[in-house]
Amino acid sequence: MYRHTLVNHFLEHSALQHTHKTALVHSGQRLTYSDLDVMANKIANFLVKSGIERGDRIAVFMDNSIEAVVSVFGALKAGAAFMMINHTTKAEKLEYILNNSAAKLAFTQKIRSAIFKEIRCPNLGAIVSTGACLDESCHSFENIMSSGDARPLPARCIDMDLASIIYTSGSTGQPKGVMLSHHNMVSAAHSITTYLENREDDIIINMLPLSFDYGLYQILMAFRIGGTVILEKSFTYPYQIIDLMIKEKVTGLPGVPTIIALLLHLKDIDKVDFSSLRYITNTAAALPVTHINRLRELFPHVRLYSMYGLTECKRVSYLPPEELDNRPNSVGRGMPNEEVYIVNENGDKVGPGEIGELVIRGSNVMMGYWDMPEETGKCLRAGRYPGERVLYSGDLFKTDNEGYLYFIARKDDIIKCKGEKVSPREIENVLYSLHGILEAAVVGIPDEILGQAIKACVALDSGSNLTEKEIVHYCSQHLENYMLPKYVQIMPELPKTANGKIDKKDLAATAHSSGRL
């Protein structure tokens, strides 16, 4: 079997093996592997001629699009490292990322290009934009495609080299740049496609932003196995997405809890023909058991994978679908070619049932945080062998007697109420079991008497008439007294991050706006 060593090999090898096969479908366009490879070669040659050198950072400030995919692979072919930046990022944060990474060039789209007039980035030598250019420092993406050099370049790096920086929220208030080598990303993609049993006839729909590593890897994994990606911008128009899934005979659906919740509550969803669908994956946050059960009722033929991951290592674990009935609250075991274990505050491994911090050991673990040695040292610590570093996740877990993992909470999410440590996840599971609740999130807010008071924020199903008092009463029947929410706030919808996760930081910041029961 061909051995991929660089991320760009995913596209290059599939272009040789599946030259005329459809690789990407987007907005009515269908591109083959050969089409994409030629386009990426043109970008790579342009970058090299523009002075881009091995290891230089290239920003891709675009929404989900063909141009974004081509820019990523063009940067990799040129030996550069790409940074997918969410297209909704505001000027101040964009300026920070570009300056922190010392980005040499940025790809963008006409609708977003004006933001570069608002920011100051001395290292940014040029901008490549779709549509009309703003000034002489801007190059036309279309001109590169129409007249660029399509000859393949010789390899300009090795697998130890930096492939990507993914910026994620930081505890200091500034985003942290997670550095991933080619080896990190190739290893992660290989392990995930192994346990998902991906094959070249898979057709994967991706509605997740490419700036979210879960969305990005749908492209990487599909190209690795010679599959096809249906690339959409979002799940804003769910019925259009469903029609597209049926038309394209989609086999793989990657989701997050917010997408799954919307899907499950669509009218007549049980009448839709999903016979082509082979698997559904979920990560970003755990699926409530009620949602798992409903998915299995609707799609009894579909393999459902509950997963857990971190940007710092891409994926950590998955639960084999055949184990869902036995342990629906588990996120499984470590994925192939990876070791995971749990340690206490002294760094000693703990046994089944004991809560501690999850540690990850594997070739998928990041190189570190860009230009943040202290932050890197906090989470990459000495491992089993001299010189080895393992990833301390910052997440609290426990295992059962068979070694299956159960997420408890982020270390900094644990609520300390009445002297007890409370896991928000445990309360959220109870809330989701109450008929009429669509979304739920629990946060702690300062309280002079309790230390922290528990606040539950919920969004209701359409037609639900649940009241705050009814929600608290239900919780009182299923939770210990010290775990009962002191505040309940019913909201039209819960705030989301750009990656579709419920934004608990936003909820905590606005906590005092809720009514008191």
Protein backbone atom coordinates (compact mmCIF):
# COMPACT_ATOMS: atom_id res chain seq x y z
CA MET A 1 0.00 0.00 0.00
CA TYR A 2 1.22 3.52 -0.79
CA ARG A 3 2.75 5.23 2.24
CA HIS A 4 1.77 8.87 2.64
CA THR A 5 4.42 10.93 4.40
CA LEU A 6 3.22 14.46 3.58
CA VAL A 7 -0.33 15.79 3.78
CA ASN A 8 -0.24 16.91 0.14
CA HIS A 9 0.43 13.29 -0.83
CA PHE A 10 -3.26 12.61 -0.10
CA LEU A 11 -4.24 14.69 -3.13
CA GLU A 12 -1.26 13.80 -5.29
CA HIS A 13 -1.60 10.04 -4.90
CA SER A 14 -5.36 10.09 -5.46
CA ALA A 15 -4.82 12.21 -8.58
CA LEU A 16 -2.65 9.36 -9.91
CA GLN A 17 -4.90 6.51 -8.78
CA HIS A 18 -8.31 8.14 -9.34
CA THR A 19 -7.49 10.75 -11.98
CA HIS A 20 -10.97 11.34 -13.37
CA LYS A 21 -12.99 10.55 -10.26
CA THR A 22 -15.05 13.31 -8.66
CA ALA A 23 -13.17 14.51 -5.58
CA LEU A 24 -15.12 17.63 -4.61
CA VAL A 25 -18.68 18.84 -5.19
CA HIS A 26 -19.51 22.44 -4.26
CA SER A 27 -22.20 24.89 -5.40
CA GLY A 28 -23.03 22.85 -8.49
CA GLN A 29 -19.39 22.37 -9.51
CA ARG A 30 -17.82 18.91 -9.70
CA LEU A 31 -14.04 18.71 -9.69
CA THR A 32 -11.95 15.61 -10.25
CA TYR A 33 -8.77 14.74 -8.42
CA SER A 34 -6.83 15.75 -11.52
CA ASP A 35 -8.60 19.14 -11.62
CA LEU A 36 -7.74 19.90 -8.00
CA ASP A 37 -4.15 18.71 -8.32
CA VAL A 38 -3.53 20.95 -11.33
CA MET A 39 -5.10 23.93 -9.55
CA ALA A 40 -2.99 23.31 -6.42
CA ASN A 41 0.16 23.05 -8.57
CA LYS A 42 -0.58 26.49 -10.02
CA ILE A 43 -0.90 27.94 -6.52
CA ALA A 44 2.32 26.22 -5.40
CA ASN A 45 4.32 27.55 -8.34
CA PHE A 46 2.94 31.05 -7.78
CA LEU A 47 3.96 30.91 -4.11
CA VAL A 48 7.49 29.75 -4.87
CA LYS A 49 7.92 32.45 -7.53
CA SER A 50 6.65 34.98 -4.98
CA GLY A 51 9.49 34.07 -2.63
CA ILE A 52 7.63 31.76 -0.24
CA GLU A 53 10.14 29.44 1.42
CA ARG A 54 9.95 26.17 3.30
CA GLY A 55 8.09 26.63 6.59
CA ASP A 56 6.63 30.07 5.81
CA ARG A 57 3.12 30.58 7.11
CA ILE A 58 0.25 31.11 4.67
CA ALA A 59 -3.17 32.31 5.87
CA VAL A 60 -6.36 31.05 4.23
CA PHE A 61 -9.11 33.50 5.23
CA MET A 62 -12.02 31.98 3.31
CA ASP A 63 -15.32 30.25 3.87
CA ASN A 64 -15.92 26.67 2.69
CA SER A 65 -15.10 26.81 -1.00
CA ILE A 66 -13.12 25.19 -3.79
CA GLU A 67 -10.61 28.05 -3.58
CA ALA A 68 -10.00 27.33 0.11
CA VAL A 69 -9.27 23.64 -0.54
CA VAL A 70 -6.95 24.46 -3.45
CA SER A 71 -5.13 27.14 -1.40
CA VAL A 72 -4.45 24.68 1.42
CA PHE A 73 -2.93 22.07 -0.87
CA GLY A 74 -1.07 24.68 -2.90
CA ALA A 75 0.57 25.99 0.27
CA LEU A 76 1.57 22.45 1.30
CA LYS A 77 3.01 21.67 -2.12
CA ALA A 78 5.15 24.82 -1.83
CA GLY A 79 6.55 23.55 1.49
CA ALA A 80 4.69 26.21 3.48
CA ALA A 81 2.41 25.79 6.51
CA PHE A 82 -1.23 26.81 6.12
CA MET A 83 -3.55 28.43 8.65
CA MET A 84 -7.28 28.13 8.06
CA ILE A 85 -8.84 31.20 9.70
CA ASN A 86 -12.57 31.32 10.24
CA HIS A 87 -14.15 33.68 7.71
CA THR A 88 -16.17 35.45 10.44
CA THR A 89 -13.04 36.48 12.37
CA LYS A 90 -13.01 40.19 13.16
CA ALA A 91 -10.19 42.58 12.29
CA GLU A 92 -8.51 42.74 15.72
CA LYS A 93 -8.23 38.97 16.07
CA LEU A 94 -7.20 38.51 12.44
CA GLU A 95 -4.44 41.06 12.90
CA TYR A 96 -3.21 39.23 16.01
CA ILE A 97 -3.08 35.86 14.24
CA LEU A 98 -1.32 37.20 11.16
CA ASN A 99 1.28 39.06 13.23
CA ASN A 100 1.76 36.32 15.82
CA SER A 101 2.43 33.76 13.08
CA ALA A 102 4.40 36.22 10.91
CA ALA A 103 2.28 35.15 7.94
CA LYS A 104 3.91 35.95 4.61
CA LEU A 105 0.83 35.76 2.38
CA ALA A 106 -2.94 35.47 2.72
CA PHE A 107 -5.63 33.98 0.50
CA THR A 108 -9.06 35.56 0.75
CA GLN A 109 -12.29 36.23 -1.13
CA LYS A 110 -13.53 39.49 -2.61
CA ILE A 111 -16.30 39.83 -0.03
CA ARG A 112 -13.70 39.64 2.77
CA SER A 113 -10.74 41.45 1.23
CA ALA A 114 -11.60 44.92 2.60
CA ILE A 115 -10.73 43.82 6.13
CA PHE A 116 -7.04 43.81 5.17
CA LYS A 117 -7.27 47.61 4.81
CA GLU A 118 -8.18 47.82 8.50
CA ILE A 119 -5.21 45.90 9.89
CA ARG A 120 -1.46 46.37 10.04
CA CYS A 121 0.71 43.31 9.33
CA PRO A 122 4.31 44.23 8.39
CA ASN A 123 5.26 40.65 7.47
CA LEU A 124 2.33 40.15 5.10
CA GLY A 125 3.89 40.60 1.69
CA ALA A 126 0.92 39.88 -0.55
CA ILE A 127 -2.75 38.97 -0.71
CA VAL A 128 -4.38 36.65 -3.22
CA SER A 129 -8.09 37.33 -3.61
CA THR A 130 -10.94 36.05 -5.69
CA GLY A 131 -12.64 38.75 -7.73
CA ALA A 132 -11.24 42.24 -8.31
CA CYS A 133 -8.05 43.17 -6.45
CA LEU A 134 -7.82 46.14 -4.12
CA ASP A 135 -4.34 47.39 -5.04
CA GLU A 136 -0.98 46.40 -6.50
CA SER A 137 -0.14 44.17 -3.51
CA CYS A 138 -3.14 41.98 -4.34
CA HIS A 139 -3.06 39.14 -6.86
CA SER A 140 -6.04 37.65 -8.64
CA PHE A 141 -6.85 34.04 -7.82
CA GLU A 142 -8.56 33.73 -11.19
CA ASN A 143 -5.47 35.00 -13.05
CA ILE A 144 -3.32 32.38 -11.31
CA MET A 145 -5.78 29.70 -12.39
CA SER A 146 -5.95 30.91 -16.00
CA SER A 147 -2.24 31.47 -16.65
CA GLY A 148 -0.34 29.76 -13.82
CA ASP A 149 2.34 27.08 -14.14
CA ALA A 150 0.72 23.66 -13.56
CA ARG A 151 3.92 21.62 -13.41
CA PRO A 152 4.36 19.63 -10.18
CA LEU A 153 7.12 20.77 -7.84
CA PRO A 154 9.62 18.41 -6.23
CA ALA A 155 9.03 17.80 -2.50
CA ARG A 156 10.15 20.85 -0.52
CA CYS A 157 9.91 19.43 3.02
CA ILE A 158 9.90 16.25 5.10
CA ASP A 159 7.30 14.83 7.47
CA MET A 160 8.84 16.48 10.54
CA ASP A 161 8.18 19.92 9.08
CA LEU A 162 5.33 22.20 10.09
CA ALA A 163 2.20 21.61 8.00
CA SER A 164 -0.39 23.75 9.77
CA ILE A 165 -1.09 26.10 12.64
CA ILE A 166 -4.63 25.95 14.00
CA TYR A 167 -5.51 28.83 16.30
CA THR A 168 -7.73 27.93 19.23
CA SER A 169 -9.02 29.80 22.28
CA GLY A 170 -6.39 30.47 24.93
CA SER A 171 -6.65 30.88 28.70
CA THR A 172 -4.78 34.20 28.46
CA GLY A 173 -7.47 35.73 26.24
CA GLN A 174 -5.34 35.51 23.09
CA PRO A 175 -5.69 32.53 20.74
CA LYS A 176 -3.02 29.84 20.84
CA GLY A 177 -1.50 28.47 17.65
CA VAL A 178 -1.45 24.66 17.69
CA MET A 179 1.53 23.54 15.59
CA LEU A 180 0.99 20.32 13.63
CA SER A 181 3.65 18.61 11.54
CA HIS A 182 2.95 16.60 8.41
CA HIS A 183 3.65 13.51 10.50
CA ASN A 184 1.05 14.58 13.11
CA MET A 185 -1.65 15.13 10.50
CA VAL A 186 -0.90 12.07 8.38
CA SER A 187 -0.89 9.88 11.50
CA ALA A 188 -4.22 11.28 12.70
CA ALA A 189 -5.89 10.88 9.30
CA HIS A 190 -4.59 7.30 9.00
CA SER A 191 -5.89 6.31 12.44
CA ILE A 192 -9.33 7.86 11.95
CA THR A 193 -9.93 6.41 8.48
CA THR A 194 -8.85 3.03 9.90
CA TYR A 195 -11.48 2.86 12.65
CA LEU A 196 -14.18 4.44 10.47
CA GLU A 197 -13.35 1.80 7.87
CA ASN A 198 -13.37 4.47 5.17
CA ARG A 199 -13.11 3.30 1.58
CA GLU A 200 -12.82 4.89 -1.84
CA ASP A 201 -16.56 4.67 -2.57
CA ASP A 202 -17.39 6.84 0.47
CA ILE A 203 -19.22 10.09 -0.25
CA ILE A 204 -18.89 12.43 2.74
CA ILE A 205 -20.94 15.57 3.24
CA ASN A 206 -19.18 18.34 5.15
CA MET A 207 -21.13 21.31 6.55
CA LEU A 208 -18.52 22.13 9.20
CA PRO A 209 -16.14 25.07 8.65
CA LEU A 210 -12.73 24.13 7.28
CA SER A 211 -11.26 26.36 10.01
CA PHE A 212 -12.53 23.74 12.48
CA ASP A 213 -10.15 20.77 12.41
CA TYR A 214 -13.10 18.36 12.34
CA GLY A 215 -14.29 20.00 9.11
CA LEU A 216 -10.78 20.24 7.63
CA TYR A 217 -10.09 16.56 8.22
CA GLN A 218 -13.17 15.54 6.24
CA ILE A 219 -11.28 16.81 3.19
CA LEU A 220 -7.96 15.28 4.22
CA MET A 221 -9.41 11.88 5.07
CA ALA A 222 -11.54 11.65 1.94
CA PHE A 223 -8.59 12.56 -0.27
CA ARG A 224 -6.44 10.02 1.54
CA ILE A 225 -8.77 7.15 0.63
CA GLY A 226 -9.85 8.47 -2.77
CA GLY A 227 -13.40 9.32 -1.70
CA THR A 228 -15.68 12.22 -2.57
CA VAL A 229 -16.58 15.27 -0.47
CA ILE A 230 -19.81 17.22 -0.81
CA LEU A 231 -18.68 20.59 0.58
CA GLU A 232 -21.39 22.87 1.98
CA LYS A 233 -21.08 26.16 3.84
CA SER A 234 -23.38 25.32 6.77
CA PHE A 235 -26.54 23.53 7.94
CA THR A 236 -28.57 26.75 7.70
CA TYR A 237 -31.00 25.24 5.20
CA PRO A 238 -31.38 21.67 6.46
CA TYR A 239 -33.99 20.48 3.96
CA GLN A 240 -31.73 21.51 1.07
CA ILE A 241 -28.89 19.57 2.69
CA ILE A 242 -31.09 16.49 3.07
CA ASP A 243 -32.17 16.67 -0.58
CA LEU A 244 -28.50 16.91 -1.56
CA MET A 245 -27.60 13.92 0.62
CA ILE A 246 -30.25 11.83 -1.11
CA LYS A 247 -29.25 13.00 -4.59
CA GLU A 248 -25.52 12.38 -4.03
CA LYS A 249 -26.06 9.11 -2.12
CA VAL A 250 -24.02 10.33 0.84
CA THR A 251 -22.43 7.56 2.94
CA GLY A 252 -20.77 9.61 5.71
CA LEU A 253 -22.25 12.37 7.88
CA PRO A 254 -19.92 14.16 10.34
CA GLY A 255 -21.91 16.11 12.91
CA VAL A 256 -21.74 18.05 16.14
CA PRO A 257 -24.49 18.05 18.80
CA THR A 258 -26.11 21.24 17.47
CA ILE A 259 -26.44 19.78 13.95
CA ILE A 260 -27.68 16.45 15.28
CA ALA A 261 -30.28 18.19 17.47
CA LEU A 262 -31.61 20.18 14.50
CA LEU A 263 -31.67 17.08 12.32
CA LEU A 264 -33.64 15.08 14.87
CA HIS A 265 -36.29 17.76 15.21
CA LEU A 266 -37.01 18.25 11.51
CA LYS A 267 -40.55 17.51 10.46
CA ASP A 268 -41.03 14.09 8.82
CA ILE A 269 -37.34 13.22 9.19
CA ASP A 270 -38.41 9.61 9.75
CA LYS A 271 -39.83 9.49 6.20
CA VAL A 272 -36.56 10.47 4.46
CA ASP A 273 -34.70 7.81 2.49
CA PHE A 274 -31.24 7.61 4.05
CA SER A 275 -30.52 4.12 2.71
CA SER A 276 -27.12 5.17 1.31
CA LEU A 277 -25.90 6.51 4.67
CA ARG A 278 -23.32 4.17 6.22
CA TYR A 279 -22.04 6.09 9.27
CA ILE A 280 -22.55 9.19 11.41
CA THR A 281 -19.80 10.66 13.58
CA ASN A 282 -20.07 13.10 16.48
CA THR A 283 -17.46 15.11 18.32
CA ALA A 284 -16.90 18.64 19.77
CA ALA A 285 -19.19 17.71 22.69
CA ALA A 286 -20.88 14.54 23.82
CA LEU A 287 -24.25 13.58 22.38
CA PRO A 288 -26.99 13.25 25.01
CA VAL A 289 -28.14 9.65 25.38
CA THR A 290 -31.63 10.67 24.28
CA HIS A 291 -30.20 11.87 20.96
CA ILE A 292 -28.21 8.66 20.55
CA ASN A 293 -31.34 6.58 21.08
CA ARG A 294 -33.34 8.68 18.62
CA LEU A 295 -30.62 8.40 15.96
CA ARG A 296 -30.62 4.65 16.32
CA GLU A 297 -34.39 4.54 15.93
CA LEU A 298 -34.28 6.65 12.78
CA PHE A 299 -31.21 5.04 11.23
CA PRO A 300 -30.98 1.43 12.45
CA HIS A 301 -28.65 0.50 9.56
CA VAL A 302 -26.18 3.35 10.24
CA ARG A 303 -23.03 2.99 12.34
CA LEU A 304 -22.91 5.77 14.94
CA TYR A 305 -19.52 6.82 16.30
CA SER A 306 -19.26 8.83 19.52
CA MET A 307 -15.81 10.42 19.58
CA TYR A 308 -13.65 12.75 21.64
CA GLY A 309 -10.78 14.90 20.49
CA LEU A 310 -8.60 17.94 21.05
CA THR A 311 -7.14 20.35 18.52
CA GLU A 312 -3.76 19.56 20.10
CA CYS A 313 -3.88 15.97 18.80
CA LYS A 314 -6.92 15.99 16.50
CA ARG A 315 -8.63 12.83 17.79
CA VAL A 316 -8.25 10.89 21.03
CA SER A 317 -10.89 8.19 21.19
CA TYR A 318 -13.92 6.59 19.59
CA LEU A 319 -16.62 4.22 20.80
CA PRO A 320 -17.17 1.23 18.49
CA PRO A 321 -20.85 1.39 17.39
CA GLU A 322 -21.48 -2.12 18.70
CA GLU A 323 -20.72 -0.84 22.23
CA LEU A 324 -23.37 1.91 22.21
CA ASP A 325 -25.98 -0.22 23.97
CA ASN A 326 -23.55 -1.28 26.68
CA ARG A 327 -22.06 2.15 27.48
CA PRO A 328 -23.89 5.03 25.73
CA ASN A 329 -22.18 7.66 27.91
CA SER A 330 -18.66 6.54 26.96
CA VAL A 331 -16.40 8.11 24.33
CA GLY A 332 -14.64 4.78 23.89
CA ARG A 333 -10.97 3.91 23.91
CA GLY A 334 -7.89 5.45 22.37
CA MET A 335 -7.86 5.27 18.57
CA PRO A 336 -5.38 3.08 16.63
CA ASN A 337 -1.67 3.90 17.10
CA GLU A 338 -2.26 5.85 20.29
CA GLU A 339 -2.06 5.29 24.05
CA VAL A 340 -4.24 7.05 26.62
CA TYR A 341 -4.26 6.89 30.40
CA ILE A 342 -5.52 8.86 33.40
CA VAL A 343 -3.37 10.38 36.15
CA ASN A 344 -4.04 12.03 39.51
CA GLU A 345 -2.66 15.38 40.67
CA ASN A 346 0.68 13.72 41.47
CA GLY A 347 1.02 12.32 37.97
CA ASP A 348 0.38 8.71 39.05
CA LYS A 349 -1.87 6.50 36.96
CA VAL A 350 -5.27 5.79 38.52
CA GLY A 351 -7.51 2.77 38.36
CA PRO A 352 -11.07 2.23 37.10
CA GLY A 353 -13.66 4.59 38.55
CA GLU A 354 -11.09 7.14 39.75
CA ILE A 355 -11.27 10.63 38.26
CA GLY A 356 -8.10 12.21 36.90
CA GLU A 357 -6.60 14.06 33.95
CA LEU A 358 -6.45 12.31 30.59
CA VAL A 359 -2.99 11.96 29.04
CA ILE A 360 -2.41 11.18 25.35
CA ARG A 361 0.66 9.55 23.86
CA GLY A 362 1.03 9.20 20.09
CA SER A 363 2.41 10.53 16.84
CA ASN A 364 -0.71 12.67 16.44
CA VAL A 365 0.27 14.88 19.42
CA MET A 366 1.12 18.44 18.37
CA MET A 367 4.60 19.93 18.17
CA GLY A 368 3.57 22.64 20.66
CA TYR A 369 2.00 26.11 20.70
CA TRP A 370 3.47 28.64 18.32
CA ASP A 371 5.79 31.02 20.18
CA MET A 372 4.34 30.06 23.59
CA PRO A 373 6.97 27.97 25.37
CA GLU A 374 5.39 28.35 28.82
CA GLU A 375 1.94 27.28 27.59
CA THR A 376 3.55 24.40 25.71
CA GLY A 377 5.38 23.26 28.83
CA LYS A 378 2.14 23.10 30.81
CA CYS A 379 0.54 20.52 28.54
CA LEU A 380 3.49 18.73 26.89
CA ARG A 381 5.35 17.00 29.73
CA ALA A 382 7.88 14.24 30.19
CA GLY A 383 6.70 10.83 29.06
CA ARG A 384 7.81 7.26 29.54
CA TYR A 385 11.09 7.50 27.63
CA PRO A 386 13.93 10.06 27.83
CA GLY A 387 13.14 13.06 25.64
CA GLU A 388 9.54 11.99 25.03
CA ARG A 389 6.68 14.41 25.66
CA VAL A 390 3.05 13.44 26.17
CA LEU A 391 -0.08 15.60 26.05
CA TYR A 392 -1.89 16.49 29.26
CA SER A 393 -5.39 17.21 28.01
CA GLY A 394 -6.75 19.43 30.78
CA ASP A 395 -9.86 17.21 30.76
CA LEU A 396 -11.08 15.05 33.63
CA PHE A 397 -12.04 11.45 32.86
CA LYS A 398 -12.60 8.10 34.45
CA THR A 399 -12.63 4.57 33.00
CA ASP A 400 -14.75 1.52 33.64
CA ASN A 401 -13.31 -1.92 34.40
CA GLU A 402 -12.81 -2.61 30.69
CA GLY A 403 -10.88 0.59 30.04
CA TYR A 404 -13.61 2.61 28.31
CA LEU A 405 -13.37 6.37 28.82
CA TYR A 406 -16.00 8.62 30.38
CA PHE A 407 -15.68 12.41 30.12
CA ILE A 408 -16.32 14.26 33.38
CA ALA A 409 -15.47 17.90 32.66
CA ARG A 410 -12.80 20.33 31.64
CA LYS A 411 -10.61 20.93 34.69
CA ASP A 412 -11.56 24.61 34.58
CA ASP A 413 -15.29 23.83 34.02
CA ILE A 414 -15.80 21.93 37.29
CA ILE A 415 -18.26 23.83 39.48
CA LYS A 416 -17.46 24.01 43.21
CA CYS A 417 -20.83 24.37 44.92
CA LYS A 418 -21.43 23.96 48.68
CA GLY A 419 -17.95 22.48 48.99
CA GLU A 420 -18.73 19.76 46.44
CA LYS A 421 -17.24 19.34 42.98
CA VAL A 422 -20.01 19.24 40.39
CA SER A 423 -19.69 18.04 36.80
CA PRO A 424 -21.79 20.17 34.40
CA ARG A 425 -22.06 17.16 32.11
CA GLU A 426 -24.01 15.16 34.71
CA ILE A 427 -26.62 17.90 35.07
CA GLU A 428 -26.80 18.41 31.28
CA ASN A 429 -27.55 14.71 30.78
CA VAL A 430 -30.54 15.04 33.10
CA LEU A 431 -31.76 18.17 31.33
CA TYR A 432 -31.57 16.49 27.93
CA SER A 433 -33.68 13.61 29.23
CA LEU A 434 -36.57 16.03 29.87
CA HIS A 435 -38.95 16.04 26.90
CA GLY A 436 -39.15 19.51 25.37
CA ILE A 437 -35.51 20.57 25.86
CA LEU A 438 -33.57 21.01 22.62
CA GLU A 439 -30.25 22.35 23.97
CA ALA A 440 -28.77 22.58 27.44
CA ALA A 441 -25.61 23.95 29.02
CA VAL A 442 -24.62 24.34 32.67
CA VAL A 443 -22.15 26.90 34.02
CA GLY A 444 -21.00 28.08 37.44
CA ILE A 445 -21.36 31.70 38.52
CA PRO A 446 -19.86 33.41 41.60
CA ASP A 447 -21.98 33.21 44.75
CA GLU A 448 -21.07 34.63 48.16
CA ILE A 449 -22.65 31.75 50.08
CA LEU A 450 -22.28 28.75 47.77
CA GLY A 451 -18.89 29.63 46.29
CA GLN A 452 -20.37 28.97 42.87
CA ALA A 453 -24.03 28.74 42.00
CA ILE A 454 -25.22 26.42 39.27
CA LYS A 455 -26.94 27.99 36.30
CA ALA A 456 -28.74 25.96 33.62
CA CYS A 457 -29.32 27.56 30.23
CA VAL A 458 -31.76 25.80 27.91
CA ALA A 459 -33.42 26.22 24.53
CA LEU A 460 -36.78 24.52 24.02
CA ASP A 461 -38.27 22.55 21.18
CA SER A 462 -40.79 24.42 19.08
CA GLY A 463 -44.16 23.99 20.74
CA SER A 464 -42.71 23.26 24.18
CA ASN A 465 -44.26 25.17 27.08
CA LEU A 466 -41.83 24.12 29.80
CA THR A 467 -41.30 26.67 32.55
CA GLU A 468 -38.20 27.32 34.63
CA LYS A 469 -39.89 25.93 37.76
CA GLU A 470 -40.88 22.74 35.94
CA ILE A 471 -37.28 22.26 34.84
CA VAL A 472 -35.97 22.68 38.39
CA HIS A 473 -38.62 20.30 39.73
CA TYR A 474 -37.56 17.67 37.18
CA CYS A 475 -33.91 18.11 38.19
CA SER A 476 -34.83 17.71 41.86
CA GLN A 477 -36.21 14.25 41.05
CA HIS A 478 -32.97 13.13 39.38
CA LEU A 479 -30.11 15.00 41.07
CA GLU A 480 -28.67 15.42 44.57
CA ASN A 481 -29.53 18.68 46.30
CA TYR A 482 -26.07 20.19 45.87
CA MET A 483 -26.33 19.65 42.09
CA LEU A 484 -29.65 21.45 41.62
CA PRO A 485 -29.51 24.59 39.46
CA LYS A 486 -30.07 27.78 41.44
CA TYR A 487 -30.80 29.64 38.21
CA VAL A 488 -32.54 28.51 35.03
CA GLN A 489 -32.65 30.64 31.92
CA ILE A 490 -34.80 29.73 28.92
CA MET A 491 -33.35 31.22 25.75
CA PRO A 492 -34.47 31.22 22.08
CA GLU A 493 -31.19 29.46 21.29
CA LEU A 494 -27.86 28.99 23.02
CA PRO A 495 -24.87 30.97 21.73
CA LYS A 496 -22.43 29.01 19.55
CA THR A 497 -18.76 29.31 18.75
CA ALA A 498 -17.65 29.46 15.12
CA ASN A 499 -17.22 25.67 15.27
CA GLY A 500 -20.82 25.05 16.29
CA LYS A 501 -20.11 24.29 19.96
CA ILE A 502 -22.28 25.80 22.67
CA ASP A 503 -20.31 28.81 23.92
CA LYS A 504 -20.13 28.39 27.69
CA LYS A 505 -17.80 31.36 28.11
CA ASP A 506 -20.46 33.59 26.58
CA LEU A 507 -23.11 32.06 28.84
CA ALA A 508 -20.99 32.54 31.96
CA ALA A 509 -20.23 36.15 31.02
CA THR A 510 -23.95 36.96 30.78
CA ALA A 511 -24.94 34.83 33.77
CA HIS A 512 -26.33 37.64 35.87
CA SER A 513 -29.04 38.39 33.31
CA SER A 514 -30.97 35.25 34.27
CA GLY A 515 -33.97 35.14 36.53
CA ARG A 516 -33.62 33.69 40.03
CA LEU A 517 -35.86 30.88 41.20
